[in-house]
């Protein structure tokens, strides 16, 4: 019961921002203050993947310090903000793994997250925003969490055929409302869930055939999306303008290039400082990288507009952000972190169909891949700890189920000599 109360308070406190070291959430401050009380060093040995994730983040932190202090001599206000991200990420992974110790706790966390997203305004998007902006940044994240909770309930009731349909419809709605990444993730999740519920196995012939079918289905749907967006049936003005400026809009890679020009700017920044990076909160002083983004967005340089838009060196990728700011070795640490998450994800998707929360594994896995490729480095603080904790708990519960199948296995008891269920 206390665990459930902590989960609710954790989400409530997430809505309170403290102007300290940039901006900290109240729940992050509490997690840091209480770290000595819930930290147990023996758990890093008992749950080896927890130890590896924590050590990987610690290694990343070390390279942050090396770059900021000994190489680029970053300003204190900048390196403290950069360091806090990894420190909070480490503490949050440990804390969330402790409290998300079973299926019920994970489900409650998802529901509490949905409520938090409904009543809070994390992205600065209010009711006066445009309809599509409000949907993309306020409604869609909340609806996703609600659908996850419903999917868990349906899976437990054996109504698995409904879940892919539900995800697919929401994916189409997201595309229609100009939330392309979420729409793609949910549609792909729906297709994969349908395949796995239909008996898909990780065999060479199955994987090859499944991949071929997915590519054909994706390209067909993408052509439909382009036509519908260009004639005004789907999407908003932003999506329409992007497609109009592409030479061949029916090539999805062309859309990816124009939509993620920050990646090319990041690659140029990496060339300029490949070994140790540019440091925390590195500014684009000469606007060199900002102009590269403009080039791929097919926009003209405007000095007045640049004063508002230009700022930090762009990357929009956890992978590239680590390399841009902290160098080659930090990039390797992030790659290893991604590997650890994918190791758990593949095992859960492949072997975890009897688990109550199975339907969320596929969309969460695709989201992790998307974040590491196309989302800002800050997601390593805001999103990765939650996913890592859910994967860790589920992974060790799965190991326990496979070793000693028990119908009531649903909780990890931290502090016991082994993973145990009640």
Protein backbone atom coordinates (compact mmCIF):
# COMPACT_ATOMS: atom_id res chain seq x y z
CA UNK A 1 0.00 0.00 0.00
CA UNK A 2 2.85 2.36 0.85
CA UNK A 3 4.42 1.61 -2.53
CA UNK A 4 1.21 2.62 -4.32
CA UNK A 5 1.07 5.88 -2.34
CA UNK A 6 4.69 6.64 -3.31
CA UNK A 7 3.85 6.03 -7.00
CA UNK A 8 0.96 8.52 -6.81
CA UNK A 9 3.05 11.12 -4.97
CA UNK A 10 5.94 10.67 -7.42
CA UNK A 11 3.64 11.62 -10.29
CA UNK A 12 2.01 14.49 -8.38
CA UNK A 13 5.39 15.96 -7.42
CA UNK A 14 6.46 15.76 -11.06
CA UNK A 15 4.13 18.71 -11.70
CA UNK A 16 6.07 20.96 -9.31
CA UNK A 17 9.14 22.69 -10.78
CA UNK A 18 11.96 24.13 -8.68
CA UNK A 19 14.29 26.77 -10.23
CA UNK A 20 17.46 24.98 -9.15
CA UNK A 21 20.32 23.96 -11.48
CA UNK A 22 18.19 25.05 -14.41
CA UNK A 23 14.89 23.42 -13.49
CA UNK A 24 14.37 20.39 -11.29
CA UNK A 25 11.15 18.55 -10.60
CA UNK A 26 10.15 18.16 -6.96
CA UNK A 27 10.03 14.37 -7.38
CA UNK A 28 13.63 14.42 -8.68
CA UNK A 29 14.79 16.40 -5.64
CA UNK A 30 13.08 13.92 -3.31
CA UNK A 31 14.57 10.96 -5.18
CA UNK A 32 18.07 12.44 -4.76
CA UNK A 33 17.57 13.27 -1.07
CA UNK A 34 16.29 9.81 -0.20
CA UNK A 35 18.79 7.89 -2.34
CA UNK A 36 20.85 6.72 0.72
CA UNK A 37 17.71 5.17 2.23
CA UNK A 38 16.66 3.00 -0.71
CA UNK A 39 20.07 2.31 -2.25
CA UNK A 40 21.36 -1.24 -1.63
CA UNK A 41 24.73 -2.09 -3.16
CA UNK A 42 24.04 -5.85 -3.12
CA UNK A 43 21.13 -5.34 -5.52
CA UNK A 44 23.58 -4.39 -8.26
CA UNK A 45 24.99 -7.91 -8.02
CA UNK A 46 21.64 -9.63 -7.57
CA UNK A 47 20.10 -7.72 -10.49
CA UNK A 48 23.11 -7.52 -12.76
CA UNK A 49 21.37 -5.49 -15.49
CA UNK A 50 20.46 -2.81 -12.94
CA UNK A 51 24.15 -2.67 -12.00
CA UNK A 52 25.24 -2.48 -15.64
CA UNK A 53 22.79 0.33 -16.45
CA UNK A 54 23.87 2.31 -13.39
CA UNK A 55 27.57 1.81 -14.12
CA UNK A 56 27.03 2.81 -17.76
CA UNK A 57 25.37 6.06 -16.69
CA UNK A 58 28.20 6.60 -14.19
CA UNK A 59 30.76 6.16 -17.00
CA UNK A 60 28.81 8.68 -19.08
CA UNK A 61 28.92 11.08 -16.14
CA UNK A 62 32.71 10.68 -15.85
CA UNK A 63 33.17 11.68 -19.49
CA UNK A 64 30.87 14.65 -18.90
CA UNK A 65 33.17 15.80 -16.11
CA UNK A 66 36.32 15.24 -18.18
CA UNK A 67 34.97 17.26 -21.11
CA UNK A 68 33.43 20.08 -19.08
CA UNK A 69 36.30 20.59 -16.61
CA UNK A 70 39.49 19.55 -18.38
CA UNK A 71 38.78 20.06 -22.09
CA UNK A 72 36.32 22.85 -22.90
CA UNK A 73 36.16 24.48 -19.44
CA UNK A 74 32.38 24.94 -19.54
CA UNK A 75 30.71 27.55 -17.39
CA UNK A 76 29.49 26.21 -14.04
CA UNK A 77 25.86 26.99 -14.84
CA UNK A 78 26.14 24.84 -17.98
CA UNK A 79 28.02 21.84 -16.64
CA UNK A 80 25.86 21.64 -13.52
CA UNK A 81 22.77 21.42 -15.71
CA UNK A 82 24.44 18.74 -17.84
CA UNK A 83 25.70 16.72 -14.89
CA UNK A 84 22.35 16.87 -13.11
CA UNK A 85 20.70 15.04 -16.01
CA UNK A 86 22.83 11.92 -15.58
CA UNK A 87 22.85 12.02 -11.77
CA UNK A 88 19.05 12.26 -11.75
CA UNK A 89 18.81 9.53 -14.37
CA UNK A 90 20.91 7.14 -12.27
CA UNK A 91 18.98 7.87 -9.07
CA UNK A 92 15.64 7.60 -10.86
CA UNK A 93 16.42 4.19 -12.38
CA UNK A 94 17.30 2.80 -8.94
CA UNK A 95 14.29 4.44 -7.25
CA UNK A 96 11.74 3.45 -9.90
CA UNK A 97 13.03 -0.12 -9.99
CA UNK A 98 12.38 -0.26 -6.25
CA UNK A 99 8.80 1.01 -6.41
CA UNK A 100 7.71 -0.50 -9.74
CA UNK A 101 8.19 -3.97 -8.32
CA UNK A 102 5.26 -5.77 -9.94
CA UNK A 103 2.50 -5.70 -12.52
CA UNK A 104 0.04 -3.82 -10.32
CA UNK A 105 2.62 -1.18 -9.43
CA UNK A 106 3.53 -0.68 -13.11
CA UNK A 107 -0.15 -0.44 -14.10
CA UNK A 108 -0.82 2.11 -11.35
CA UNK A 109 2.21 4.12 -12.51
CA UNK A 110 0.79 4.20 -16.05
CA UNK A 111 -2.62 5.35 -14.80
CA UNK A 112 -1.06 7.98 -12.51
CA UNK A 113 1.03 9.22 -15.44
CA UNK A 114 -2.13 9.61 -17.53
CA UNK A 115 -3.77 11.69 -14.79
CA UNK A 116 -0.63 13.82 -14.42
CA UNK A 117 -0.50 14.47 -18.16
CA UNK A 118 -4.19 15.39 -18.17
CA UNK A 119 -3.95 18.05 -15.47
CA UNK A 120 -0.41 19.34 -16.00
CA UNK A 121 1.18 21.39 -18.77
CA UNK A 122 4.72 19.96 -19.16
CA UNK A 123 5.30 21.33 -22.67
CA UNK A 124 3.89 24.83 -22.13
CA UNK A 125 0.87 24.04 -24.31
CA UNK A 126 -2.38 25.51 -23.01
CA UNK A 127 -5.99 25.59 -24.13
CA UNK A 128 -5.30 28.60 -26.36
CA UNK A 129 -2.96 26.59 -28.58
CA UNK A 130 -4.00 25.36 -32.00
CA UNK A 131 -6.08 22.20 -32.12
CA UNK A 132 -3.28 20.05 -33.56
CA UNK A 133 -0.64 21.44 -31.20
CA UNK A 134 -2.88 20.77 -28.21
CA UNK A 135 -3.53 17.22 -29.41
CA UNK A 136 0.14 16.47 -30.14
CA UNK A 137 1.62 17.75 -26.89
CA UNK A 138 -1.21 17.47 -24.36
CA UNK A 139 -3.86 14.94 -25.40
CA UNK A 140 -1.82 12.35 -27.31
CA UNK A 141 0.67 11.55 -24.50
CA UNK A 142 -2.20 11.19 -22.03
CA UNK A 143 -4.28 9.04 -24.39
CA UNK A 144 -1.27 6.78 -24.97
CA UNK A 145 -1.02 6.04 -21.24
CA UNK A 146 -4.79 5.41 -21.04
CA UNK A 147 -4.58 2.99 -23.96
CA UNK A 148 -1.67 1.19 -22.27
CA UNK A 149 -3.80 0.69 -19.14
CA UNK A 150 -6.78 -0.52 -21.20
CA UNK A 151 -4.51 -2.85 -23.21
CA UNK A 152 -3.21 -4.44 -19.98
CA UNK A 153 -6.80 -5.02 -18.81
CA UNK A 154 -7.84 -6.51 -22.17
CA UNK A 155 -4.76 -8.75 -22.28
CA UNK A 156 -5.55 -10.10 -18.83
CA UNK A 157 -9.13 -10.81 -19.97
CA UNK A 158 -7.87 -12.64 -23.04
CA UNK A 159 -9.34 -10.11 -25.49
CA UNK A 160 -6.09 -9.73 -27.37
CA UNK A 161 -7.62 -9.13 -30.81
CA UNK A 162 -8.99 -5.77 -29.71
CA UNK A 163 -5.61 -4.34 -28.66
CA UNK A 164 -3.93 -4.07 -32.11
CA UNK A 165 -7.12 -2.51 -33.52
CA UNK A 166 -7.18 0.02 -30.71
CA UNK A 167 -3.52 0.95 -31.24
CA UNK A 168 -3.99 1.13 -35.02
CA UNK A 169 -6.99 3.49 -34.81
CA UNK A 170 -5.16 5.78 -32.40
CA UNK A 171 -2.12 5.72 -34.71
CA UNK A 172 -4.26 6.86 -37.64
CA UNK A 173 -5.83 9.58 -35.49
CA UNK A 174 -2.36 10.77 -34.48
CA UNK A 175 -1.28 10.97 -38.12
CA UNK A 176 -4.43 12.92 -38.94
CA UNK A 177 -3.62 15.37 -36.14
CA UNK A 178 -0.03 15.92 -37.31
CA UNK A 179 1.59 13.75 -34.62
CA UNK A 180 3.58 11.65 -37.06
CA UNK A 181 6.10 9.98 -34.78
CA UNK A 182 3.44 8.85 -32.31
CA UNK A 183 1.21 7.71 -35.16
CA UNK A 184 4.01 5.67 -36.71
CA UNK A 185 4.93 4.09 -33.37
CA UNK A 186 1.34 3.09 -32.60
CA UNK A 187 0.60 1.74 -36.09
CA UNK A 188 3.82 -0.29 -36.16
CA UNK A 189 3.05 -1.54 -32.62
CA UNK A 190 -0.41 -2.62 -33.77
CA UNK A 191 0.98 -4.59 -36.69
CA UNK A 192 3.67 -6.29 -34.61
CA UNK A 193 1.26 -7.08 -31.77
CA UNK A 194 -1.11 -8.69 -34.26
CA UNK A 195 1.76 -10.79 -35.63
CA UNK A 196 2.87 -11.98 -32.19
CA UNK A 197 -0.67 -12.68 -31.04
CA UNK A 198 -1.08 -14.72 -34.25
CA UNK A 199 1.85 -16.96 -33.36
CA UNK A 200 4.83 -15.20 -34.98
CA UNK A 201 8.15 -16.74 -33.90
CA UNK A 202 11.73 -15.46 -34.01
CA UNK A 203 12.85 -17.79 -36.76
CA UNK A 204 14.89 -16.80 -39.81
CA UNK A 205 12.11 -17.49 -42.32
CA UNK A 206 9.52 -15.76 -40.13
CA UNK A 207 11.69 -12.71 -39.55
CA UNK A 208 12.61 -12.36 -43.24
CA UNK A 209 9.03 -12.80 -44.40
CA UNK A 210 7.65 -10.57 -41.65
CA UNK A 211 10.15 -7.82 -42.44
CA UNK A 212 9.27 -7.96 -46.13
CA UNK A 213 5.57 -7.71 -45.39
CA UNK A 214 6.16 -4.83 -42.98
CA UNK A 215 8.17 -2.88 -45.58
CA UNK A 216 5.47 -3.35 -48.22
CA UNK A 217 2.68 -2.39 -45.80
CA UNK A 218 4.64 0.61 -44.54
CA UNK A 219 5.41 1.95 -48.02
CA UNK A 220 1.79 1.47 -49.11
CA UNK A 221 0.50 3.30 -46.06
CA UNK A 222 3.14 6.00 -46.47
CA UNK A 223 2.01 6.68 -50.05
CA UNK A 224 -1.56 6.96 -48.79
CA UNK A 225 -0.39 9.33 -46.03
CA UNK A 226 1.50 11.58 -48.47
CA UNK A 227 -1.46 11.83 -50.85
CA UNK A 228 -3.92 12.48 -48.03
CA UNK A 229 -1.67 15.13 -46.45
CA UNK A 230 -0.98 16.95 -49.71
CA UNK A 231 -4.69 17.18 -50.54
CA UNK A 232 -5.57 18.31 -47.01
CA UNK A 233 -7.34 15.19 -45.75
CA UNK A 234 -4.72 14.37 -43.09
CA UNK A 235 -2.17 16.32 -41.09
CA UNK A 236 -1.64 20.01 -40.59
CA UNK A 237 0.01 22.87 -42.41
CA UNK A 238 3.44 22.04 -40.99
CA UNK A 239 3.36 18.50 -42.42
CA UNK A 240 2.00 19.75 -45.74
CA UNK A 241 4.76 22.36 -46.11
CA UNK A 242 7.43 19.76 -45.34
CA UNK A 243 6.14 17.40 -48.02
CA UNK A 244 5.80 20.18 -50.60
CA UNK A 245 9.44 21.17 -50.32
CA UNK A 246 10.70 17.59 -50.83
CA UNK A 247 11.74 16.69 -54.36
CA UNK A 248 10.28 13.18 -54.02
CA UNK A 249 7.80 13.13 -51.09
CA UNK A 250 7.05 9.43 -51.67
CA UNK A 251 10.52 8.50 -50.45
CA UNK A 252 10.22 8.32 -46.63
CA UNK A 253 13.97 8.89 -46.24
CA UNK A 254 13.62 12.29 -47.91
CA UNK A 255 11.00 13.24 -45.33
CA UNK A 256 13.28 12.01 -42.57
CA UNK A 257 16.12 14.16 -43.88
CA UNK A 258 14.08 17.35 -44.07
CA UNK A 259 12.39 16.65 -40.74
CA UNK A 260 15.60 15.86 -38.89
CA UNK A 261 18.09 18.38 -40.27
CA UNK A 262 19.50 18.63 -36.75
CA UNK A 263 21.18 15.24 -37.28
CA UNK A 264 23.31 16.64 -40.12
CA UNK A 265 24.21 19.65 -38.01
CA UNK A 266 25.20 17.28 -35.20
CA UNK A 267 27.42 15.26 -37.55
CA UNK A 268 29.22 18.46 -38.54
CA UNK A 269 29.62 19.37 -34.85
CA UNK A 270 31.05 15.92 -34.16
CA UNK A 271 33.63 16.44 -36.91
CA UNK A 272 34.73 19.65 -35.19
CA UNK A 273 35.23 17.98 -31.79
CA UNK A 274 35.14 14.20 -32.24
CA UNK A 275 37.03 12.96 -29.19
CA UNK A 276 35.71 14.98 -26.25
CA UNK A 277 32.81 16.97 -27.68
CA UNK A 278 31.71 20.56 -27.11
CA UNK A 279 30.63 20.28 -23.47
CA UNK A 280 27.34 20.62 -21.61
CA UNK A 281 24.81 23.08 -22.99
CA UNK A 282 27.25 24.01 -25.76
CA UNK A 283 26.11 27.11 -27.64
CA UNK A 284 26.16 27.55 -31.39
CA UNK A 285 28.10 30.82 -31.12
CA UNK A 286 28.73 31.32 -34.85
CA UNK A 287 25.35 29.91 -35.99
CA UNK A 288 27.28 27.47 -38.16
CA UNK A 289 25.11 24.51 -37.15
CA UNK A 290 21.89 26.50 -37.16
CA UNK A 291 22.51 27.38 -40.81
CA UNK A 292 23.00 23.69 -41.64
CA UNK A 293 19.57 22.94 -40.16
CA UNK A 294 18.07 25.76 -42.26
CA UNK A 295 19.64 24.25 -45.36
CA UNK A 296 17.92 20.89 -44.83
CA UNK A 297 14.67 22.63 -43.93
CA UNK A 298 14.99 24.59 -47.18
CA UNK A 299 14.72 27.92 -45.32
CA UNK A 300 16.52 31.21 -45.88
CA UNK A 301 18.65 32.71 -43.12
CA UNK A 302 16.93 35.53 -41.26
CA UNK A 303 19.03 37.41 -38.70
CA UNK A 304 16.05 38.49 -36.58
CA UNK A 305 14.57 35.01 -36.60
CA UNK A 306 17.95 33.52 -35.73
CA UNK A 307 18.09 35.61 -32.55
CA UNK A 308 14.96 33.82 -31.37
CA UNK A 309 15.53 30.28 -32.68
CA UNK A 310 19.30 29.75 -32.53
CA UNK A 311 20.84 28.62 -29.26
CA UNK A 312 22.48 25.33 -28.41
CA UNK A 313 24.25 23.11 -30.93
CA UNK A 314 21.39 21.03 -32.37
CA UNK A 315 21.38 17.23 -32.31
CA UNK A 316 17.84 15.93 -31.56
CA UNK A 317 19.18 12.45 -30.85
CA UNK A 318 20.39 10.78 -27.68
CA UNK A 319 23.11 9.01 -29.65
CA UNK A 320 24.34 12.12 -31.44
CA UNK A 321 23.72 14.39 -28.44
CA UNK A 322 26.10 12.33 -26.32
CA UNK A 323 28.81 12.53 -28.98
CA UNK A 324 28.27 16.22 -29.75
CA UNK A 325 28.47 17.28 -26.11
CA UNK A 326 30.77 14.70 -24.49
CA UNK A 327 32.69 12.94 -27.24
CA UNK A 328 33.36 9.50 -28.65
CA UNK A 329 33.56 7.60 -25.36
CA UNK A 330 30.29 9.06 -24.11
CA UNK A 331 28.70 7.95 -27.38
CA UNK A 332 29.95 4.39 -26.76
CA UNK A 333 28.46 4.48 -23.25
CA UNK A 334 25.07 5.51 -24.67
CA UNK A 335 25.28 2.76 -27.32
CA UNK A 336 25.89 0.22 -24.55
CA UNK A 337 22.94 1.61 -22.56
CA UNK A 338 20.76 1.17 -25.65
CA UNK A 339 22.03 -2.41 -26.03
CA UNK A 340 21.09 -3.25 -22.42
CA UNK A 341 17.56 -1.90 -22.91
CA UNK A 342 17.13 -3.77 -26.19
CA UNK A 343 18.42 -6.99 -24.63
CA UNK A 344 15.59 -6.87 -22.10
CA UNK A 345 13.03 -5.68 -24.64
CA UNK A 346 13.68 -8.50 -27.12
CA UNK A 347 13.48 -11.10 -24.37
CA UNK A 348 10.19 -9.66 -23.08
CA UNK A 349 8.60 -9.46 -26.53
CA UNK A 350 9.81 -12.93 -27.48
CA UNK A 351 8.95 -14.78 -24.26
CA UNK A 352 6.61 -12.63 -22.19
CA UNK A 353 3.17 -13.15 -23.73
CA UNK A 354 1.82 -14.65 -20.50
CA UNK A 355 2.72 -11.48 -18.58
CA UNK A 356 -0.23 -9.12 -17.87
CA UNK A 357 1.62 -6.05 -19.18
CA UNK A 358 2.81 -7.70 -22.40
CA UNK A 359 0.96 -5.27 -24.77
CA UNK A 360 3.06 -2.29 -23.66
CA UNK A 361 6.42 -3.92 -24.40
CA UNK A 362 6.29 -3.41 -28.17
CA UNK A 363 5.27 0.29 -28.22
CA UNK A 364 7.73 1.04 -25.42
CA UNK A 365 10.51 -0.71 -27.33
CA UNK A 366 9.79 1.20 -30.53
CA UNK A 367 9.64 4.42 -28.50
CA UNK A 368 13.07 3.71 -27.02
CA UNK A 369 14.53 3.16 -30.49
CA UNK A 370 12.92 6.40 -31.68
CA UNK A 371 14.21 8.35 -28.66
CA UNK A 372 17.79 7.21 -29.08
CA UNK A 373 17.71 8.03 -32.79
CA UNK A 374 15.55 11.14 -33.01
CA UNK A 375 14.82 12.68 -29.59
CA UNK A 376 16.80 15.27 -27.58
CA UNK A 377 19.47 14.08 -25.17
CA UNK A 378 17.30 15.28 -22.24
CA UNK A 379 15.15 12.17 -22.66
CA UNK A 380 17.90 10.24 -20.90
CA UNK A 381 16.65 12.04 -17.79
CA UNK A 382 12.91 12.36 -18.41
CA UNK A 383 11.94 9.14 -20.23
CA UNK A 384 14.65 6.48 -20.12
CA UNK A 385 14.56 5.84 -16.31
CA UNK A 386 10.85 4.95 -16.42
CA UNK A 387 11.29 2.60 -19.36
CA UNK A 388 14.43 1.05 -17.86
CA UNK A 389 12.67 0.38 -14.53
CA UNK A 390 9.63 -1.23 -16.20
CA UNK A 391 11.88 -3.37 -18.41
CA UNK A 392 14.06 -4.38 -15.45
CA UNK A 393 11.16 -5.45 -13.24
CA UNK A 394 9.45 -7.29 -16.10
CA UNK A 395 12.69 -8.96 -17.19
CA UNK A 396 13.44 -10.37 -13.75
CA UNK A 397 9.84 -11.45 -13.22
CA UNK A 398 10.06 -13.26 -16.56
CA UNK A 399 13.27 -14.98 -15.48
CA UNK A 400 11.56 -16.10 -12.30
CA UNK A 401 8.49 -17.35 -14.18
CA UNK A 402 10.63 -19.37 -16.59
CA UNK A 403 12.67 -20.87 -13.75
CA UNK A 404 9.75 -21.66 -11.42
CA UNK A 405 6.35 -21.06 -13.08
CA UNK A 406 3.93 -19.82 -10.43
CA UNK A 407 0.48 -18.33 -11.13
CA UNK A 408 0.89 -15.72 -8.41
CA UNK A 409 4.31 -14.43 -9.46
CA UNK A 410 3.83 -10.70 -9.78
CA UNK A 411 6.12 -8.85 -7.39
CA UNK A 412 9.85 -8.46 -6.94
CA UNK A 413 10.72 -8.31 -3.25
CA UNK A 414 13.85 -6.19 -3.03
CA UNK A 415 16.18 -7.26 -0.28
CA UNK A 416 15.38 -10.98 -0.54
CA UNK A 417 18.24 -13.27 -1.55
CA UNK A 418 16.54 -13.89 -4.91
CA UNK A 419 13.70 -12.60 -7.05
CA UNK A 420 10.59 -13.81 -5.28
CA UNK A 421 6.87 -13.70 -6.01
CA UNK A 422 3.86 -13.50 -3.73
